[in-house]
């Protein structure tokens, strides 16, 4: 009786972990380019370079966010 109760808790914890990881995807996809935007804006103001660093860091932030999203999806698939 105690073993089945423990297994149920483990299964619920596993499900909750998968759901939380999956719901983090939009935040990751939004956060990477936002961080890149702020860093790029700061560097463009500091060096007076137009929007070169802004574009560069937004693209790098997006690429990093997509890469992290792929890792999250793989973890979610493995956990399900």
C-alpha atoms as a PDB file:
ATOM      1  CA  UNK A   1       0.000   0.000   0.000  1.00  0.00           C
ATOM      2  CA  UNK A   2       2.778   2.399   0.840  1.00  0.00           C
ATOM      3  CA  UNK A   3       4.644   1.566  -2.370  1.00  0.00           C
ATOM      4  CA  UNK A   4       1.722   2.473  -4.655  1.00  0.00           C
ATOM      5  CA  UNK A   5       1.235   5.769  -2.806  1.00  0.00           C
ATOM      6  CA  UNK A   6       4.902   6.592  -3.324  1.00  0.00           C
ATOM      7  CA  UNK A   7       4.718   5.651  -7.015  1.00  0.00           C
ATOM      8  CA  UNK A   8       1.708   7.943  -7.468  1.00  0.00           C
ATOM      9  CA  UNK A   9       3.606  10.850  -5.931  1.00  0.00           C
ATOM     10  CA  UNK A  10       6.606  10.167  -8.158  1.00  0.00           C
ATOM     11  CA  UNK A  11       4.362  10.082 -11.237  1.00  0.00           C
ATOM     12  CA  UNK A  12       2.676  13.362 -10.236  1.00  0.00           C
ATOM     13  CA  UNK A  13       6.064  15.001  -9.620  1.00  0.00           C
ATOM     14  CA  UNK A  14       7.324  13.786 -13.003  1.00  0.00           C
ATOM     15  CA  UNK A  15       4.227  15.173 -14.749  1.00  0.00           C
ATOM     16  CA  UNK A  16       4.546  18.521 -12.961  1.00  0.00           C
ATOM     17  CA  UNK A  17       8.222  18.781 -13.918  1.00  0.00           C
ATOM     18  CA  UNK A  18       7.395  18.157 -17.601  1.00  0.00           C
ATOM     19  CA  UNK A  19       4.606  20.760 -17.554  1.00  0.00           C
ATOM     20  CA  UNK A  20       6.818  23.386 -15.898  1.00  0.00           C
ATOM     21  CA  UNK A  21       9.632  22.811 -18.377  1.00  0.00           C
ATOM     22  CA  UNK A  22       7.249  23.040 -21.332  1.00  0.00           C
ATOM     23  CA  UNK A  23       5.681  26.274 -20.074  1.00  0.00           C
ATOM     24  CA  UNK A  24       9.111  27.878 -19.812  1.00  0.00           C
ATOM     25  CA  UNK A  25       9.538  27.827 -23.615  1.00  0.00           C
ATOM     26  CA  UNK A  26       7.750  31.149 -24.348  1.00  0.00           C
ATOM     27  CA  UNK A  27       9.809  32.912 -21.683  1.00  0.00           C
ATOM     28  CA  UNK A  28      13.037  31.557 -23.142  1.00  0.00           C
ATOM     29  CA  UNK A  29      12.046  32.571 -26.674  1.00  0.00           C
ATOM     30  CA  UNK A  30      11.171  36.069 -25.508  1.00  0.00           C
ATOM     31  CA  UNK A  31      14.024  36.511 -23.046  1.00  0.00           C
ATOM     32  CA  UNK A  32      16.941  35.821 -25.392  1.00  0.00           C
ATOM     33  CA  UNK A  33      16.149  38.541 -27.927  1.00  0.00           C
ATOM     34  CA  UNK A  34      15.182  40.972 -25.151  1.00  0.00           C
ATOM     35  CA  UNK A  35      18.538  40.569 -23.434  1.00  0.00           C
ATOM     36  CA  UNK A  36      20.215  40.955 -26.816  1.00  0.00           C
ATOM     37  CA  UNK A  37      18.212  44.126 -27.435  1.00  0.00           C
ATOM     38  CA  UNK A  38      19.339  45.739 -24.181  1.00  0.00           C
ATOM     39  CA  UNK A  39      22.979  44.738 -24.595  1.00  0.00           C
ATOM     40  CA  UNK A  40      23.021  45.870 -28.230  1.00  0.00           C
ATOM     41  CA  UNK A  41      21.345  49.188 -27.401  1.00  0.00           C
ATOM     42  CA  UNK A  42      23.842  49.847 -24.634  1.00  0.00           C
ATOM     43  CA  UNK A  43      26.816  49.092 -26.874  1.00  0.00           C
ATOM     44  CA  UNK A  44      25.425  51.176 -29.748  1.00  0.00           C
ATOM     45  CA  UNK A  45      24.997  54.172 -27.428  1.00  0.00           C
ATOM     46  CA  UNK A  46      28.441  53.684 -25.958  1.00  0.00           C
ATOM     47  CA  UNK A  47      30.227  53.428 -29.326  1.00  0.00           C
ATOM     48  CA  UNK A  48      27.816  55.471 -31.468  1.00  0.00           C
ATOM     49  CA  UNK A  49      27.572  52.679 -34.019  1.00  0.00           C
ATOM     50  CA  UNK A  50      23.991  53.124 -35.214  1.00  0.00           C
ATOM     51  CA  UNK A  51      22.136  49.850 -34.816  1.00  0.00           C
ATOM     52  CA  UNK A  52      24.911  47.397 -35.636  1.00  0.00           C
ATOM     53  CA  UNK A  53      25.255  45.894 -32.155  1.00  0.00           C
ATOM     54  CA  UNK A  54      21.505  45.973 -31.613  1.00  0.00           C
ATOM     55  CA  UNK A  55      20.846  43.796 -34.646  1.00  0.00           C
ATOM     56  CA  UNK A  56      23.790  41.528 -33.918  1.00  0.00           C
ATOM     57  CA  UNK A  57      22.813  40.849 -30.311  1.00  0.00           C
ATOM     58  CA  UNK A  58      19.099  40.427 -31.051  1.00  0.00           C
ATOM     59  CA  UNK A  59      19.957  37.793 -33.661  1.00  0.00           C
ATOM     60  CA  UNK A  60      22.417  36.090 -31.290  1.00  0.00           C
ATOM     61  CA  UNK A  61      19.796  36.164 -28.530  1.00  0.00           C
ATOM     62  CA  UNK A  62      17.229  34.601 -30.833  1.00  0.00           C
ATOM     63  CA  UNK A  63      19.639  31.869 -31.937  1.00  0.00           C
ATOM     64  CA  UNK A  64      20.522  31.100 -28.310  1.00  0.00           C
ATOM     65  CA  UNK A  65      16.813  31.019 -27.392  1.00  0.00           C
ATOM     66  CA  UNK A  66      15.994  28.594 -30.207  1.00  0.00           C
ATOM     67  CA  UNK A  67      18.909  26.377 -29.186  1.00  0.00           C
ATOM     68  CA  UNK A  68      17.726  26.334 -25.561  1.00  0.00           C
ATOM     69  CA  UNK A  69      14.157  25.646 -26.687  1.00  0.00           C
ATOM     70  CA  UNK A  70      15.354  22.592 -28.604  1.00  0.00           C
ATOM     71  CA  UNK A  71      17.105  21.328 -25.457  1.00  0.00           C
ATOM     72  CA  UNK A  72      13.935  21.901 -23.406  1.00  0.00           C
ATOM     73  CA  UNK A  73      11.815  20.018 -25.938  1.00  0.00           C
ATOM     74  CA  UNK A  74      14.251  17.082 -25.872  1.00  0.00           C
ATOM     75  CA  UNK A  75      14.140  17.009 -22.051  1.00  0.00           C
ATOM     76  CA  UNK A  76      10.337  17.133 -22.094  1.00  0.00           C
ATOM     77  CA  UNK A  77      10.141  14.288 -24.619  1.00  0.00           C
ATOM     78  CA  UNK A  78      12.546  12.218 -22.552  1.00  0.00           C
ATOM     79  CA  UNK A  79      10.558  12.885 -19.374  1.00  0.00           C
ATOM     80  CA  UNK A  80       7.179  12.009 -20.903  1.00  0.00           C
END
